[in-house]
Amino acid sequence: MDKEKIEELKIQMQKWLNEPQEFIQKVPPIQIYSAIGVVVFTIFLFIIIRLFKRISSNTIVLTGLTGCGKTVLFYQLRDGSSHQGTVTSMEPNEGTFVLHSETTKKGKVKPVHLVDVPGHSRLRPKLDDFLPQAAAIVFVVDAVEFLPNCRAASEYLYDILTKANVVKKKIPLLLLCNKVDKVTAHTKDFIRKQLEKEIDKLRASRTALSSADIANENTLGVPGEAFAFSQCQNKVTIAETSGLTGDISQLEQFIREHVKP
């Protein structure tokens, strides 16, 4: 009896094994080829998407209020010259180049795609055109004329830090205090503290508005605590520079941290 049961089990298993083969034989070849094609295409598409995600951006966005010195910094990075006499930009300055300080380096150096976005309030929406590709943002502040412009700079910076692209992608931001070569320039610590205080006031006033008045705004900071840049979801660092004298080493270091040579 045991042998008969074993034989029956073997026959049944053979039938089960033969069923898929018989099914495949009944299916028209074109359907089989189509199914294989779909599987291969799906795998290929998945690989391509993964490869594109791994390709790092080389775009650095320069922005800030009008007159803070963005355009001078753009030319210092590109040409090693301040291009004195430049006027306020009404269109984005854009270029892809090896940083001027690296032009004498041996070996291959990755170019930087630098975009200088105009600071005029009517032209700031152009910033949204470049944020999806941004590897990092440089927000330039005039360290000399800081106090009269503190409120306006805070509002613009608040808007940037709460943009969906910046929050979702955690785009790093450098708060760059320009014109520090001037005797009357404020220190970076003073500027940071004042901006944090002003943004804290902005956060309180905007939170008080009804949700219907706020379009797609992300929250900033920790509820119940005074605002600090360290609370941001993206990393915010602060540095000093002087576009006119060409002392831009801290800016170059930040760029190379996010656009590898």
Protein backbone atom coordinates (compact mmCIF):
# COMPACT_ATOMS: atom_id res chain seq x y z
CA MET A 1 0.00 0.00 0.00
CA ASP A 2 2.78 2.40 0.85
CA LYS A 3 4.42 1.80 -2.51
CA GLU A 4 1.15 2.39 -4.31
CA LYS A 5 0.62 5.69 -2.50
CA ILE A 6 4.14 6.78 -3.35
CA GLU A 7 3.57 5.94 -7.01
CA GLU A 8 0.27 7.85 -7.01
CA LEU A 9 2.00 10.82 -5.44
CA LYS A 10 4.74 10.72 -8.08
CA ILE A 11 2.15 10.61 -10.87
CA GLN A 12 0.23 13.52 -9.34
CA MET A 13 3.41 15.62 -8.97
CA GLN A 14 4.34 14.87 -12.58
CA LYS A 15 0.92 16.14 -13.66
CA TRP A 16 1.41 19.33 -11.67
CA LEU A 17 4.81 19.87 -13.25
CA ASN A 18 3.44 19.25 -16.72
CA GLU A 19 0.52 21.66 -16.36
CA PRO A 20 2.60 24.89 -16.72
CA GLN A 21 4.37 23.42 -19.74
CA GLU A 22 1.08 22.44 -21.36
CA PHE A 23 -0.34 25.90 -20.61
CA ILE A 24 2.68 27.61 -22.23
CA GLN A 25 2.33 25.37 -25.29
CA LYS A 26 -1.30 26.42 -25.68
CA VAL A 27 -0.50 30.15 -25.44
CA PRO A 28 0.27 31.81 -28.80
CA PRO A 29 4.00 32.67 -29.13
CA ILE A 30 3.25 36.35 -29.73
CA GLN A 31 1.66 36.62 -26.27
CA ILE A 32 4.69 35.00 -24.65
CA TYR A 33 7.06 37.35 -26.48
CA SER A 34 4.91 40.34 -25.49
CA ALA A 35 4.99 39.32 -21.82
CA ILE A 36 8.77 38.87 -21.92
CA GLY A 37 9.10 42.26 -23.63
CA VAL A 38 7.06 43.96 -20.90
CA VAL A 39 9.21 42.42 -18.17
CA VAL A 40 12.48 43.39 -19.92
CA PHE A 41 11.24 46.94 -20.57
CA THR A 42 10.16 47.36 -16.93
CA ILE A 43 13.58 46.21 -15.67
CA PHE A 44 15.34 48.53 -18.16
CA LEU A 45 13.19 51.50 -17.12
CA PHE A 46 13.86 50.81 -13.45
CA ILE A 47 17.64 50.76 -14.07
CA ILE A 48 17.49 54.04 -16.03
CA ILE A 49 15.52 55.77 -13.27
CA ARG A 50 18.00 54.60 -10.63
CA LEU A 51 20.92 55.85 -12.74
CA PHE A 52 19.36 59.28 -13.20
CA LYS A 53 18.76 59.55 -9.47
CA ARG A 54 22.43 58.87 -8.83
CA ILE A 55 23.57 61.63 -11.21
CA SER A 56 24.33 64.57 -8.94
CA SER A 57 23.40 68.09 -9.96
CA ASN A 58 26.09 70.72 -10.55
CA THR A 59 23.72 73.71 -10.30
CA ILE A 60 24.37 76.36 -7.64
CA VAL A 61 21.75 79.11 -7.27
CA LEU A 62 22.85 82.58 -6.13
CA THR A 63 20.07 84.76 -4.77
CA GLY A 64 19.36 87.56 -2.31
CA LEU A 65 18.05 91.13 -2.24
CA THR A 66 18.89 93.66 -4.94
CA GLY A 67 22.29 95.28 -4.39
CA CYS A 68 23.74 92.59 -2.12
CA GLY A 69 26.55 91.83 -4.57
CA LYS A 70 25.45 88.57 -6.22
CA THR A 71 26.56 89.58 -9.70
CA VAL A 72 30.03 90.58 -8.49
CA LEU A 73 30.37 87.18 -6.83
CA PHE A 74 29.23 85.49 -10.05
CA TYR A 75 32.02 87.19 -12.01
CA GLN A 76 34.60 86.52 -9.30
CA LEU A 77 33.81 82.83 -9.46
CA ARG A 78 33.86 82.79 -13.25
CA ASP A 79 36.63 85.26 -14.17
CA GLY A 80 38.43 86.17 -10.96
CA SER A 81 37.36 89.79 -11.50
CA SER A 82 34.75 91.92 -9.76
CA HIS A 83 33.68 93.57 -13.06
CA GLN A 84 33.24 96.88 -11.29
CA GLY A 85 30.53 98.96 -12.87
CA THR A 86 28.01 96.12 -13.24
CA VAL A 87 24.40 97.19 -12.84
CA THR A 88 21.54 95.46 -11.09
CA SER A 89 20.61 92.29 -12.95
CA MET A 90 17.15 92.19 -14.52
CA GLU A 91 17.64 88.71 -15.99
CA PRO A 92 19.37 85.67 -14.48
CA ASN A 93 23.11 85.45 -15.17
CA GLU A 94 23.77 81.84 -16.01
CA GLY A 95 26.88 79.93 -16.99
CA THR A 96 28.63 76.57 -16.75
CA PHE A 97 32.36 76.83 -16.07
CA VAL A 98 35.28 75.63 -13.99
CA LEU A 99 35.80 77.96 -11.03
CA HIS A 100 38.46 80.55 -11.85
CA SER A 101 40.59 79.50 -8.88
CA GLU A 102 40.69 75.95 -10.27
CA THR A 103 41.63 76.74 -13.88
CA THR A 104 45.29 75.98 -13.20
CA LYS A 105 44.59 72.66 -11.50
CA LYS A 106 45.87 69.54 -13.21
CA GLY A 107 43.46 66.80 -14.15
CA LYS A 108 39.75 66.89 -14.81
CA VAL A 109 37.68 69.35 -12.76
CA LYS A 110 33.89 69.24 -12.82
CA PRO A 111 32.34 72.49 -14.11
CA VAL A 112 29.77 74.34 -11.99
CA HIS A 113 26.48 75.53 -13.40
CA LEU A 114 26.02 78.86 -11.63
CA VAL A 115 22.79 80.86 -11.75
CA ASP A 116 22.54 84.43 -10.43
CA VAL A 117 18.81 85.06 -9.85
CA PRO A 118 17.76 88.75 -9.76
CA GLY A 119 16.81 90.01 -6.32
CA HIS A 120 14.03 92.37 -7.37
CA SER A 121 10.73 91.28 -5.84
CA ARG A 122 8.97 91.12 -9.23
CA LEU A 123 11.70 88.85 -10.63
CA ARG A 124 12.05 86.43 -7.72
CA PRO A 125 9.55 83.92 -9.16
CA LYS A 126 12.33 83.05 -11.64
CA LEU A 127 13.97 81.27 -8.71
CA ASP A 128 11.36 78.50 -9.00
CA ASP A 129 12.67 77.69 -12.49
CA PHE A 130 16.05 76.66 -11.09
CA LEU A 131 15.28 75.10 -7.69
CA PRO A 132 14.34 71.65 -9.07
CA GLN A 133 17.91 71.28 -10.43
CA ALA A 134 19.72 72.99 -7.55
CA ALA A 135 22.47 71.14 -5.70
CA ALA A 136 22.68 74.05 -3.26
CA ILE A 137 21.50 77.63 -2.70
CA VAL A 138 23.63 80.66 -1.77
CA PHE A 139 21.59 83.44 -0.13
CA VAL A 140 23.69 86.62 -0.21
CA VAL A 141 23.27 89.33 2.43
CA ASP A 142 24.76 92.84 2.33
CA ALA A 143 26.66 92.96 5.63
CA VAL A 144 26.97 96.76 5.45
CA GLU A 145 23.35 97.70 4.70
CA PHE A 146 21.95 94.79 6.65
CA LEU A 147 19.78 96.48 9.28
CA PRO A 148 17.64 98.58 6.89
CA ASN A 149 17.06 95.44 4.82
CA CYS A 150 16.73 92.89 7.63
CA ARG A 151 12.94 92.56 7.37
CA ALA A 152 12.95 92.21 3.57
CA ALA A 153 15.82 89.70 3.64
CA SER A 154 14.04 87.66 6.33
CA GLU A 155 10.83 87.51 4.31
CA TYR A 156 12.65 86.37 1.18
CA LEU A 157 14.70 83.82 3.12
CA TYR A 158 11.56 82.55 4.88
CA ASP A 159 9.89 82.03 1.52
CA ILE A 160 12.89 80.05 0.23
CA LEU A 161 13.19 77.85 3.31
CA THR A 162 9.50 76.90 3.13
CA LYS A 163 9.41 76.12 -0.59
CA ALA A 164 8.33 72.56 -1.32
CA ASN A 165 11.41 71.78 -3.45
CA VAL A 166 13.79 73.00 -0.76
CA VAL A 167 12.06 71.10 2.04
CA LYS A 168 11.46 67.87 0.13
CA LYS A 169 14.95 67.65 -1.38
CA LYS A 170 16.62 69.18 1.70
CA ILE A 171 18.63 71.54 -0.51
CA PRO A 172 21.53 72.93 1.54
CA LEU A 173 21.68 76.70 1.88
CA LEU A 174 24.64 79.00 2.55
CA LEU A 175 23.84 82.30 4.24
CA LEU A 176 26.65 84.40 2.78
CA CYS A 177 27.49 87.75 4.38
CA ASN A 178 29.05 89.88 1.62
CA LYS A 179 31.13 93.10 1.77
CA VAL A 180 32.79 92.14 5.06
CA ASP A 181 35.91 94.06 3.96
CA LYS A 182 34.08 97.28 4.91
CA VAL A 183 34.68 98.69 8.39
CA THR A 184 30.96 99.18 8.96
CA ALA A 185 30.05 95.58 8.04
CA HIS A 186 28.15 93.55 10.63
CA THR A 187 29.52 90.20 11.78
CA LYS A 188 28.01 86.94 10.56
CA ASP A 189 26.90 86.02 14.10
CA PHE A 190 25.02 89.31 14.48
CA ILE A 191 23.36 88.83 11.09
CA ARG A 192 22.40 85.24 11.89
CA LYS A 193 20.82 86.19 15.23
CA GLN A 194 18.86 89.09 13.75
CA LEU A 195 17.56 86.98 10.89
CA GLU A 196 16.51 84.23 13.29
CA LYS A 197 14.60 86.76 15.43
CA GLU A 198 12.89 88.28 12.42
CA ILE A 199 11.98 84.90 10.93
CA ASP A 200 10.57 83.87 14.32
CA LYS A 201 8.23 86.89 14.17
CA LEU A 202 7.27 86.04 10.60
CA ARG A 203 6.55 82.46 11.55
CA ALA A 204 4.27 83.55 14.38
CA SER A 205 2.34 86.01 12.21
CA ARG A 206 1.95 83.58 9.31
CA THR A 207 0.92 80.72 11.57
CA ALA A 208 -1.80 82.96 12.96
CA LEU A 209 -3.33 83.27 9.48
CA SER A 210 -6.06 80.84 8.50
CA SER A 211 -4.94 77.83 6.49
CA ALA A 212 -7.01 79.12 3.60
CA ASP A 213 -4.70 82.11 3.28
CA ILE A 214 -1.54 79.99 3.05
CA ALA A 215 -0.85 78.19 -0.21
CA ASN A 216 1.26 75.05 0.12
CA GLU A 217 3.40 76.49 2.90
CA ASN A 218 5.63 74.18 4.87
CA THR A 219 6.16 74.75 8.56
CA LEU A 220 9.47 76.18 9.71
CA GLY A 221 11.24 75.44 12.97
CA VAL A 222 9.96 73.69 16.10
CA PRO A 223 6.55 74.72 17.50
CA GLY A 224 6.86 76.36 20.90
CA GLU A 225 10.56 77.14 20.50
CA ALA A 226 12.35 80.26 19.27
CA PHE A 227 13.39 79.80 15.66
CA ALA A 228 16.98 78.82 14.83
CA PHE A 229 18.46 77.85 11.48
CA SER A 230 19.59 74.57 13.03
CA GLN A 231 15.90 73.54 13.15
CA CYS A 232 15.50 73.67 9.37
CA GLN A 233 15.02 70.38 7.54
CA ASN A 234 17.72 71.40 5.08
CA LYS A 235 21.21 72.28 6.31
CA VAL A 236 21.83 76.03 6.70
CA THR A 237 25.38 77.30 7.17
CA ILE A 238 26.76 80.82 7.39
CA ALA A 239 29.95 82.30 5.96
CA GLU A 240 31.61 85.60 5.06
CA THR A 241 32.95 86.91 1.79
CA SER A 242 34.06 90.04 -0.07
CA GLY A 243 33.20 90.16 -3.73
CA LEU A 244 35.16 93.33 -4.46
CA THR A 245 38.43 92.12 -2.93
CA GLY A 246 38.04 88.58 -4.27
CA ASP A 247 38.08 86.93 -0.85
CA ILE A 248 35.61 84.19 -1.77
CA SER A 249 37.32 81.08 -0.40
CA GLN A 250 34.44 80.17 1.95
CA LEU A 251 31.99 80.43 -0.93
CA GLU A 252 34.17 78.23 -3.15
CA GLN A 253 34.52 75.68 -0.36
CA PHE A 254 30.73 75.49 0.02
CA ILE A 255 30.27 75.04 -3.73
CA ARG A 256 32.81 72.21 -3.88
CA GLU A 257 31.16 70.47 -0.92
CA HIS A 258 28.03 70.09 -3.05
CA VAL A 259 29.51 69.92 -6.56
CA LYS A 260 32.41 67.50 -6.27
CA PRO A 261 35.44 68.29 -8.49
